[in-house]
Amino acid sequence: MATKKAAGTAKNLRDSQPKYLGVKKSAGEKVNTGEIIIRQRGTKVEAGKGVRIGKDHTLYAANTGIVTFRNMRKTRFDGNIVVKKVVDVVVTA
């Protein structure tokens, strides 16, 4: 005979840690060199002038300036034209 009551295991009590993705600096904000502008999975937003891309697709400022966003028409290899969002850092004097 069993000395303990049978109990099932709960499989839905585990959860992954939050990744804190998204836009960190909005349009018009001043950024210094190396400050993170957007954390993303894949290149949903492209890097423009004054912006570099990290190995995890994080966009960060390459120089000090003001953050601006714009739309860009891009032609893919199969000929399809897509509109992508682009972030730039405009250098201020």
PDB file of N, CA and C in Angstrom:
ATOM      1  N   MET A   1       0.828  -1.180   0.000  1.00  0.00           N
ATOM      2  CA  MET A   1       0.000   0.000   0.000  1.00  0.00           C
ATOM      3  C   MET A   1       0.872   1.243   0.000  1.00  0.00           C
ATOM      4  N   ALA A   2       0.345   2.261  -0.609  1.00  0.00           N
ATOM      5  CA  ALA A   2       1.069   3.526  -0.647  1.00  0.00           C
ATOM      6  C   ALA A   2       0.942   4.238   0.691  1.00  0.00           C
ATOM      7  N   THR A   3       2.043   4.848   1.104  1.00  0.00           N
ATOM      8  CA  THR A   3       2.008   5.595   2.367  1.00  0.00           C
ATOM      9  C   THR A   3       1.652   7.060   2.145  1.00  0.00           C
ATOM     10  N   LYS A   4       1.718   7.500   0.910  1.00  0.00           N
ATOM     11  CA  LYS A   4       1.354   8.890   0.600  1.00  0.00           C
ATOM     12  C   LYS A   4       0.265   8.886  -0.459  1.00  0.00           C
ATOM     13  N   LYS A   5      -0.513   9.956  -0.463  1.00  0.00           N
ATOM     14  CA  LYS A   5      -1.563  10.109  -1.466  1.00  0.00           C
ATOM     15  C   LYS A   5      -0.911  10.475  -2.810  1.00  0.00           C
ATOM     16  N   ALA A   6      -1.376   9.924  -3.888  1.00  0.00           N
ATOM     17  CA  ALA A   6      -0.806  10.213  -5.206  1.00  0.00           C
ATOM     18  C   ALA A   6      -1.119  11.655  -5.596  1.00  0.00           C
ATOM     19  N   ALA A   7      -0.118  12.371  -6.044  1.00  0.00           N
ATOM     20  CA  ALA A   7      -0.306  13.769  -6.463  1.00  0.00           C
ATOM     21  C   ALA A   7       0.296  13.968  -7.846  1.00  0.00           C
ATOM     22  N   GLY A   8      -0.433  14.626  -8.706  1.00  0.00           N
ATOM     23  CA  GLY A   8       0.061  14.898 -10.050  1.00  0.00           C
ATOM     24  C   GLY A   8       1.034  16.064 -10.053  1.00  0.00           C
ATOM     25  N   THR A   9       1.797  16.182 -11.126  1.00  0.00           N
ATOM     26  CA  THR A   9       2.731  17.294 -11.243  1.00  0.00           C
ATOM     27  C   THR A   9       2.098  18.391 -12.081  1.00  0.00           C
ATOM     28  N   ALA A  10       2.371  19.632 -11.719  1.00  0.00           N
ATOM     29  CA  ALA A  10       1.834  20.771 -12.481  1.00  0.00           C
ATOM     30  C   ALA A  10       2.811  21.125 -13.586  1.00  0.00           C
ATOM     31  N   LYS A  11       2.328  21.174 -14.815  1.00  0.00           N
ATOM     32  CA  LYS A  11       3.199  21.465 -15.953  1.00  0.00           C
ATOM     33  C   LYS A  11       3.101  22.911 -16.418  1.00  0.00           C
ATOM     34  N   ASN A  12       2.149  23.668 -15.892  1.00  0.00           N
ATOM     35  CA  ASN A  12       1.936  25.025 -16.403  1.00  0.00           C
ATOM     36  C   ASN A  12       2.402  26.110 -15.428  1.00  0.00           C
ATOM     37  N   LEU A  13       3.303  25.776 -14.517  1.00  0.00           N
ATOM     38  CA  LEU A  13       3.758  26.755 -13.534  1.00  0.00           C
ATOM     39  C   LEU A  13       5.086  27.409 -13.908  1.00  0.00           C
ATOM     40  N   ARG A  14       5.661  27.038 -15.039  1.00  0.00           N
ATOM     41  CA  ARG A  14       6.936  27.602 -15.470  1.00  0.00           C
ATOM     42  C   ARG A  14       6.695  28.721 -16.472  1.00  0.00           C
ATOM     43  N   ASP A  15       7.543  29.751 -16.418  1.00  0.00           N
ATOM     44  CA  ASP A  15       7.436  30.859 -17.364  1.00  0.00           C
ATOM     45  C   ASP A  15       8.833  31.409 -17.623  1.00  0.00           C
ATOM     46  N   SER A  16       9.050  31.947 -18.808  1.00  0.00           N
ATOM     47  CA  SER A  16      10.363  32.506 -19.139  1.00  0.00           C
ATOM     48  C   SER A  16      10.475  33.934 -18.616  1.00  0.00           C
ATOM     49  N   GLN A  17      11.696  34.369 -18.429  1.00  0.00           N
ATOM     50  CA  GLN A  17      11.953  35.714 -17.940  1.00  0.00           C
ATOM     51  C   GLN A  17      11.630  36.734 -19.027  1.00  0.00           C
ATOM     52  N   PRO A  18      11.167  37.932 -18.657  1.00  0.00           N
ATOM     53  CA  PRO A  18      10.861  38.957 -19.658  1.00  0.00           C
ATOM     54  C   PRO A  18      12.133  39.444 -20.345  1.00  0.00           C
ATOM     55  N   LYS A  19      12.029  39.790 -21.620  1.00  0.00           N
ATOM     56  CA  LYS A  19      13.191  40.181 -22.407  1.00  0.00           C
ATOM     57  C   LYS A  19      13.332  41.693 -22.560  1.00  0.00           C
ATOM     58  N   TYR A  20      12.316  42.450 -22.159  1.00  0.00           N
ATOM     59  CA  TYR A  20      12.360  43.921 -22.184  1.00  0.00           C
ATOM     60  C   TYR A  20      12.716  44.470 -23.573  1.00  0.00           C
ATOM     61  N   LEU A  21      12.008  43.979 -24.595  1.00  0.00           N
ATOM     62  CA  LEU A  21      12.230  44.443 -25.965  1.00  0.00           C
ATOM     63  C   LEU A  21      11.437  45.719 -26.203  1.00  0.00           C
ATOM     64  N   GLY A  22      11.760  46.420 -27.294  1.00  0.00           N
ATOM     65  CA  GLY A  22      10.980  47.582 -27.697  1.00  0.00           C
ATOM     66  C   GLY A  22      11.814  48.829 -27.860  1.00  0.00           C
ATOM     67  N   VAL A  23      11.122  49.942 -28.086  1.00  0.00           N
ATOM     68  CA  VAL A  23      11.761  51.232 -28.325  1.00  0.00           C
ATOM     69  C   VAL A  23      12.182  51.823 -26.980  1.00  0.00           C
ATOM     70  N   LYS A  24      13.456  52.174 -26.850  1.00  0.00           N
ATOM     71  CA  LYS A  24      13.981  52.755 -25.617  1.00  0.00           C
ATOM     72  C   LYS A  24      14.109  54.273 -25.714  1.00  0.00           C
ATOM     73  N   LYS A  25      14.321  54.808 -26.908  1.00  0.00           N
ATOM     74  CA  LYS A  25      14.407  56.253 -27.128  1.00  0.00           C
ATOM     75  C   LYS A  25      13.439  56.616 -28.245  1.00  0.00           C
ATOM     76  N   SER A  26      12.584  57.604 -28.016  1.00  0.00           N
ATOM     77  CA  SER A  26      11.605  57.989 -29.024  1.00  0.00           C
ATOM     78  C   SER A  26      12.129  59.141 -29.874  1.00  0.00           C
ATOM     79  N   ALA A  27      11.384  59.506 -30.905  1.00  0.00           N
ATOM     80  CA  ALA A  27      11.795  60.555 -31.838  1.00  0.00           C
ATOM     81  C   ALA A  27      11.928  61.882 -31.108  1.00  0.00           C
ATOM     82  N   GLY A  28      13.008  62.607 -31.414  1.00  0.00           N
ATOM     83  CA  GLY A  28      13.239  63.908 -30.808  1.00  0.00           C
ATOM     84  C   GLY A  28      14.106  63.858 -29.562  1.00  0.00           C
ATOM     85  N   GLU A  29      14.376  62.663 -29.049  1.00  0.00           N
ATOM     86  CA  GLU A  29      15.213  62.553 -27.854  1.00  0.00           C
ATOM     87  C   GLU A  29      16.688  62.616 -28.222  1.00  0.00           C
ATOM     88  N   LYS A  30      17.491  63.178 -27.308  1.00  0.00           N
ATOM     89  CA  LYS A  30      18.931  63.279 -27.506  1.00  0.00           C
ATOM     90  C   LYS A  30      19.583  61.998 -27.015  1.00  0.00           C
ATOM     91  N   VAL A  31      20.521  61.451 -27.788  1.00  0.00           N
ATOM     92  CA  VAL A  31      21.246  60.243 -27.400  1.00  0.00           C
ATOM     93  C   VAL A  31      22.743  60.488 -27.503  1.00  0.00           C
ATOM     94  N   ASN A  32      23.484  59.798 -26.662  1.00  0.00           N
ATOM     95  CA  ASN A  32      24.943  59.809 -26.727  1.00  0.00           C
ATOM     96  C   ASN A  32      25.415  58.570 -27.461  1.00  0.00           C
ATOM     97  N   THR A  33      26.690  58.535 -27.802  1.00  0.00           N
ATOM     98  CA  THR A  33      27.261  57.396 -28.504  1.00  0.00           C
ATOM     99  C   THR A  33      27.110  56.123 -27.672  1.00  0.00           C
ATOM    100  N   GLY A  34      26.608  55.064 -28.301  1.00  0.00           N
ATOM    101  CA  GLY A  34      26.473  53.776 -27.638  1.00  0.00           C
ATOM    102  C   GLY A  34      25.156  53.551 -26.931  1.00  0.00           C
ATOM    103  N   GLU A  35      24.307  54.567 -26.821  1.00  0.00           N
ATOM    104  CA  GLU A  35      23.019  54.388 -26.147  1.00  0.00           C
ATOM    105  C   GLU A  35      22.079  53.548 -27.008  1.00  0.00           C
ATOM    106  N   ILE A  36      21.350  52.649 -26.351  1.00  0.00           N
ATOM    107  CA  ILE A  36      20.430  51.753 -27.059  1.00  0.00           C
ATOM    108  C   ILE A  36      19.170  52.517 -27.444  1.00  0.00           C
ATOM    109  N   ILE A  37      18.768  52.376 -28.714  1.00  0.00           N
ATOM    110  CA  ILE A  37      17.560  53.031 -29.220  1.00  0.00           C
ATOM    111  C   ILE A  37      16.410  52.026 -29.266  1.00  0.00           C
ATOM    112  N   ILE A  38      16.657  50.826 -29.831  1.00  0.00           N
ATOM    113  CA  ILE A  38      15.614  49.794 -29.952  1.00  0.00           C
ATOM    114  C   ILE A  38      16.229  48.426 -29.681  1.00  0.00           C
ATOM    115  N   ARG A  39      15.527  47.618 -28.857  1.00  0.00           N
ATOM    116  CA  ARG A  39      15.862  46.202 -28.711  1.00  0.00           C
ATOM    117  C   ARG A  39      14.794  45.422 -29.453  1.00  0.00           C
ATOM    118  N   GLN A  40      15.219  44.497 -30.336  1.00  0.00           N
ATOM    119  CA  GLN A  40      14.256  43.802 -31.189  1.00  0.00           C
ATOM    120  C   GLN A  40      14.752  42.407 -31.528  1.00  0.00           C
ATOM    121  N   ARG A  41      13.831  41.567 -31.965  1.00  0.00           N
ATOM    122  CA  ARG A  41      14.155  40.234 -32.484  1.00  0.00           C
ATOM    123  C   ARG A  41      13.987  40.297 -33.993  1.00  0.00           C
ATOM    124  N   GLY A  42      15.077  40.195 -34.725  1.00  0.00           N
ATOM    125  CA  GLY A  42      15.043  40.394 -36.169  1.00  0.00           C
ATOM    126  C   GLY A  42      15.070  41.880 -36.464  1.00  0.00           C
ATOM    127  N   THR A  43      15.220  42.242 -37.740  1.00  0.00           N
ATOM    128  CA  THR A  43      15.298  43.653 -38.101  1.00  0.00           C
ATOM    129  C   THR A  43      13.930  44.177 -38.498  1.00  0.00           C
ATOM    130  N   LYS A  44      13.042  44.347 -37.508  1.00  0.00           N
ATOM    131  CA  LYS A  44      11.746  44.972 -37.768  1.00  0.00           C
ATOM    132  C   LYS A  44      11.957  46.433 -38.131  1.00  0.00           C
ATOM    133  N   VAL A  45      12.933  47.075 -37.473  1.00  0.00           N
ATOM    134  CA  VAL A  45      13.313  48.455 -37.762  1.00  0.00           C
ATOM    135  C   VAL A  45      14.752  48.417 -38.250  1.00  0.00           C
ATOM    136  N   GLU A  46      15.020  49.092 -39.381  1.00  0.00           N
ATOM    137  CA  GLU A  46      16.354  49.102 -39.978  1.00  0.00           C
ATOM    138  C   GLU A  46      17.215  50.192 -39.360  1.00  0.00           C
ATOM    139  N   ALA A  47      18.528  50.033 -39.455  1.00  0.00           N
ATOM    140  CA  ALA A  47      19.473  51.036 -38.981  1.00  0.00           C
ATOM    141  C   ALA A  47      19.742  52.034 -40.098  1.00  0.00           C
ATOM    142  N   GLY A  48      19.609  53.318 -39.798  1.00  0.00           N
ATOM    143  CA  GLY A  48      19.859  54.375 -40.771  1.00  0.00           C
ATOM    144  C   GLY A  48      21.172  55.077 -40.497  1.00  0.00           C
ATOM    145  N   LYS A  49      21.221  56.374 -40.822  1.00  0.00           N
ATOM    146  CA  LYS A  49      22.434  57.163 -40.641  1.00  0.00           C
ATOM    147  C   LYS A  49      22.693  57.381 -39.155  1.00  0.00           C
ATOM    148  N   GLY A  50      23.923  57.138 -38.730  1.00  0.00           N
ATOM    149  CA  GLY A  50      24.310  57.359 -37.345  1.00  0.00           C
ATOM    150  C   GLY A  50      23.844  56.279 -36.392  1.00  0.00           C
ATOM    151  N   VAL A  51      23.407  55.126 -36.928  1.00  0.00           N
ATOM    152  CA  VAL A  51      22.919  54.024 -36.093  1.00  0.00           C
ATOM    153  C   VAL A  51      23.635  52.750 -36.517  1.00  0.00           C
ATOM    154  N   ARG A  52      24.039  51.952 -35.542  1.00  0.00           N
ATOM    155  CA  ARG A  52      24.665  50.666 -35.814  1.00  0.00           C
ATOM    156  C   ARG A  52      23.767  49.569 -35.286  1.00  0.00           C
ATOM    157  N   ILE A  53      24.020  48.331 -35.742  1.00  0.00           N
ATOM    158  CA  ILE A  53      23.200  47.196 -35.341  1.00  0.00           C
ATOM    159  C   ILE A  53      24.069  46.172 -34.618  1.00  0.00           C
ATOM    160  N   GLY A  54      23.601  45.685 -33.475  1.00  0.00           N
ATOM    161  CA  GLY A  54      24.333  44.702 -32.688  1.00  0.00           C
ATOM    162  C   GLY A  54      24.044  43.292 -33.157  1.00  0.00           C
ATOM    163  N   LYS A  55      24.726  42.318 -32.561  1.00  0.00           N
ATOM    164  CA  LYS A  55      24.574  40.930 -33.008  1.00  0.00           C
ATOM    165  C   LYS A  55      23.204  40.349 -32.687  1.00  0.00           C
ATOM    166  N   ASP A  56      22.497  40.936 -31.712  1.00  0.00           N
ATOM    167  CA  ASP A  56      21.130  40.500 -31.411  1.00  0.00           C
ATOM    168  C   ASP A  56      20.105  41.464 -32.018  1.00  0.00           C
ATOM    169  N   HIS A  57      20.494  42.196 -33.054  1.00  0.00           N
ATOM    170  CA  HIS A  57      19.661  43.132 -33.811  1.00  0.00           C
ATOM    171  C   HIS A  57      19.284  44.378 -33.017  1.00  0.00           C
ATOM    172  N   THR A  58      20.012  44.648 -31.931  1.00  0.00           N
ATOM    173  CA  THR A  58      19.786  45.863 -31.154  1.00  0.00           C
ATOM    174  C   THR A  58      20.324  47.057 -31.939  1.00  0.00           C
ATOM    175  N   LEU A  59      19.530  48.132 -32.012  1.00  0.00           N
ATOM    176  CA  LEU A  59      19.972  49.347 -32.685  1.00  0.00           C
ATOM    177  C   LEU A  59      20.494  50.320 -31.639  1.00  0.00           C
ATOM    178  N   TYR A  60      21.716  50.837 -31.871  1.00  0.00           N
ATOM    179  CA  TYR A  60      22.318  51.770 -30.926  1.00  0.00           C
ATOM    180  C   TYR A  60      22.957  52.930 -31.676  1.00  0.00           C
ATOM    181  N   ALA A  61      23.138  54.037 -30.979  1.00  0.00           N
ATOM    182  CA  ALA A  61      23.653  55.262 -31.594  1.00  0.00           C
ATOM    183  C   ALA A  61      25.149  55.142 -31.852  1.00  0.00           C
ATOM    184  N   ALA A  62      25.578  55.497 -33.067  1.00  0.00           N
ATOM    185  CA  ALA A  62      26.998  55.500 -33.420  1.00  0.00           C
ATOM    186  C   ALA A  62      27.634  56.840 -33.089  1.00  0.00           C
ATOM    187  N   ASN A  63      26.818  57.877 -32.929  1.00  0.00           N
ATOM    188  CA  ASN A  63      27.328  59.186 -32.537  1.00  0.00           C
ATOM    189  C   ASN A  63      26.252  59.940 -31.765  1.00  0.00           C
ATOM    190  N   THR A  64      26.627  61.067 -31.186  1.00  0.00           N
ATOM    191  CA  THR A  64      25.695  61.866 -30.394  1.00  0.00           C
ATOM    192  C   THR A  64      24.789  62.666 -31.317  1.00  0.00           C
ATOM    193  N   GLY A  65      23.494  62.724 -30.988  1.00  0.00           N
ATOM    194  CA  GLY A  65      22.552  63.481 -31.811  1.00  0.00           C
ATOM    195  C   GLY A  65      21.123  63.270 -31.376  1.00  0.00           C
ATOM    196  N   ILE A  66      20.192  63.582 -32.290  1.00  0.00           N
ATOM    197  CA  ILE A  66      18.757  63.481 -32.044  1.00  0.00           C
ATOM    198  C   ILE A  66      18.199  62.293 -32.825  1.00  0.00           C
ATOM    199  N   VAL A  67      17.340  61.501 -32.184  1.00  0.00           N
ATOM    200  CA  VAL A  67      16.728  60.325 -32.811  1.00  0.00           C
ATOM    201  C   VAL A  67      15.587  60.768 -33.718  1.00  0.00           C
ATOM    202  N   THR A  68      15.553  60.236 -34.943  1.00  0.00           N
ATOM    203  CA  THR A  68      14.438  60.466 -35.870  1.00  0.00           C
ATOM    204  C   THR A  68      14.029  59.137 -36.499  1.00  0.00           C
ATOM    205  N   PHE A  69      12.747  59.010 -36.799  1.00  0.00           N
ATOM    206  CA  PHE A  69      12.210  57.827 -37.468  1.00  0.00           C
ATOM    207  C   PHE A  69      11.662  58.234 -38.829  1.00  0.00           C
ATOM    208  N   ARG A  70      11.764  57.323 -39.811  1.00  0.00           N
ATOM    209  CA  ARG A  70      11.210  57.583 -41.138  1.00  0.00           C
ATOM    210  C   ARG A  70      10.849  56.248 -41.786  1.00  0.00           C
ATOM    211  N   ASN A  71      10.063  56.321 -42.859  1.00  0.00           N
ATOM    212  CA  ASN A  71       9.713  55.140 -43.636  1.00  0.00           C
ATOM    213  C   ASN A  71      10.578  55.079 -44.882  1.00  0.00           C
ATOM    214  N   MET A  72      10.935  53.854 -45.312  1.00  0.00           N
ATOM    215  CA  MET A  72      11.767  53.666 -46.491  1.00  0.00           C
ATOM    216  C   MET A  72      11.176  52.544 -47.338  1.00  0.00           C
ATOM    217  N   ARG A  73      11.104  52.783 -48.641  1.00  0.00           N
ATOM    218  CA  ARG A  73      10.676  51.736 -49.562  1.00  0.00           C
ATOM    219  C   ARG A  73      11.889  50.904 -49.928  1.00  0.00           C
ATOM    220  N   LYS A  74      11.763  49.578 -49.788  1.00  0.00           N
ATOM    221  CA  LYS A  74      12.887  48.687 -50.029  1.00  0.00           C
ATOM    222  C   LYS A  74      12.454  47.579 -50.972  1.00  0.00           C
ATOM    223  N   THR A  75      13.265  47.286 -51.981  1.00  0.00           N
ATOM    224  CA  THR A  75      12.971  46.224 -52.929  1.00  0.00           C
ATOM    225  C   THR A  75      13.683  44.953 -52.484  1.00  0.00           C
ATOM    226  N   ARG A  76      12.918  43.877 -52.309  1.00  0.00           N
ATOM    227  CA  ARG A  76      13.493  42.596 -51.918  1.00  0.00           C
ATOM    228  C   ARG A  76      14.068  41.896 -53.139  1.00  0.00           C
ATOM    229  N   PHE A  77      14.746  40.753 -52.904  1.00  0.00           N
ATOM    230  CA  PHE A  77      15.392  40.020 -53.987  1.00  0.00           C
ATOM    231  C   PHE A  77      14.392  39.447 -54.981  1.00  0.00           C
ATOM    232  N   ASP A  78      13.164  39.169 -54.521  1.00  0.00           N
ATOM    233  CA  ASP A  78      12.156  38.613 -55.424  1.00  0.00           C
ATOM    234  C   ASP A  78      11.375  39.704 -56.157  1.00  0.00           C
ATOM    235  N   GLY A  79      11.740  40.971 -55.963  1.00  0.00           N
ATOM    236  CA  GLY A  79      11.095  42.077 -56.664  1.00  0.00           C
ATOM    237  C   GLY A  79       9.981  42.747 -55.886  1.00  0.00           C
ATOM    238  N   ASN A  80       9.572  42.167 -54.748  1.00  0.00           N
ATOM    239  CA  ASN A  80       8.529  42.786 -53.940  1.00  0.00           C
ATOM    240  C   ASN A  80       9.042  44.062 -53.295  1.00  0.00           C
ATOM    241  N   ILE A  81       8.193  45.068 -53.235  1.00  0.00           N
ATOM    242  CA  ILE A  81       8.552  46.326 -52.593  1.00  0.00           C
ATOM    243  C   ILE A  81       7.844  46.373 -51.240  1.00  0.00           C
ATOM    244  N   VAL A  82       8.630  46.580 -50.175  1.00  0.00           N
ATOM    245  CA  VAL A  82       8.083  46.665 -48.826  1.00  0.00           C
ATOM    246  C   VAL A  82       8.446  48.014 -48.228  1.00  0.00           C
ATOM    247  N   VAL A  83       7.612  48.481 -47.305  1.00  0.00           N
ATOM    248  CA  VAL A  83       7.892  49.724 -46.590  1.00  0.00           C
ATOM    249  C   VAL A  83       8.432  49.351 -45.226  1.00  0.00           C
ATOM    250  N   LYS A  84       9.669  49.783 -44.925  1.00  0.00           N
ATOM    251  CA  LYS A  84      10.314  49.476 -43.658  1.00  0.00           C
ATOM    252  C   LYS A  84      10.476  50.758 -42.856  1.00  0.00           C
ATOM    253  N   LYS A  85      10.471  50.642 -41.545  1.00  0.00           N
ATOM    254  CA  LYS A  85      10.727  51.757 -40.651  1.00  0.00           C
ATOM    255  C   LYS A  85      12.235  51.838 -40.439  1.00  0.00           C
ATOM    256  N   VAL A  86      12.785  53.069 -40.463  1.00  0.00           N
ATOM    257  CA  VAL A  86      14.224  53.292 -40.319  1.00  0.00           C
ATOM    258  C   VAL A  86      14.431  54.318 -39.217  1.00  0.00           C
ATOM    259  N   VAL A  87      15.452  54.094 -38.383  1.00  0.00           N
ATOM    260  CA  VAL A  87      15.795  55.043 -37.329  1.00  0.00           C
ATOM    261  C   VAL A  87      17.153  55.666 -37.658  1.00  0.00           C
ATOM    262  N   ASP A  88      17.242  56.996 -37.529  1.00  0.00           N
ATOM    263  CA  ASP A  88      18.473  57.737 -37.772  1.00  0.00           C
ATOM    264  C   ASP A  88      18.841  58.514 -36.509  1.00  0.00           C
ATOM    265  N   VAL A  89      20.130  58.845 -36.396  1.00  0.00           N
ATOM    266  CA  VAL A  89      20.579  59.777 -35.378  1.00  0.00           C
ATOM    267  C   VAL A  89      21.203  60.952 -36.114  1.00  0.00           C
ATOM    268  N   VAL A  90      20.507  62.110 -36.047  1.00  0.00           N
ATOM    269  CA  VAL A  90      20.946  63.319 -36.741  1.00  0.00           C
ATOM    270  C   VAL A  90      21.896  64.065 -35.815  1.00  0.00           C
ATOM    271  N   VAL A  91      23.109  64.326 -36.323  1.00  0.00           N
ATOM    272  CA  VAL A  91      24.124  65.019 -35.520  1.00  0.00           C
ATOM    273  C   VAL A  91      23.752  66.505 -35.416  1.00  0.00           C
ATOM    274  N   THR A  92      23.744  67.000 -34.184  1.00  0.00           N
ATOM    275  CA  THR A  92      23.446  68.411 -33.950  1.00  0.00           C
ATOM    276  C   THR A  92      24.744  69.157 -33.704  1.00  0.00           C
ATOM    277  N   ALA A  93      24.782  70.395 -34.184  1.00  0.00           N
ATOM    278  CA  ALA A  93      26.005  71.183 -34.047  1.00  0.00           C
ATOM    279  C   ALA A  93      26.105  71.849 -32.694  1.00  0.00           C
TER     280      ALA A  93
END
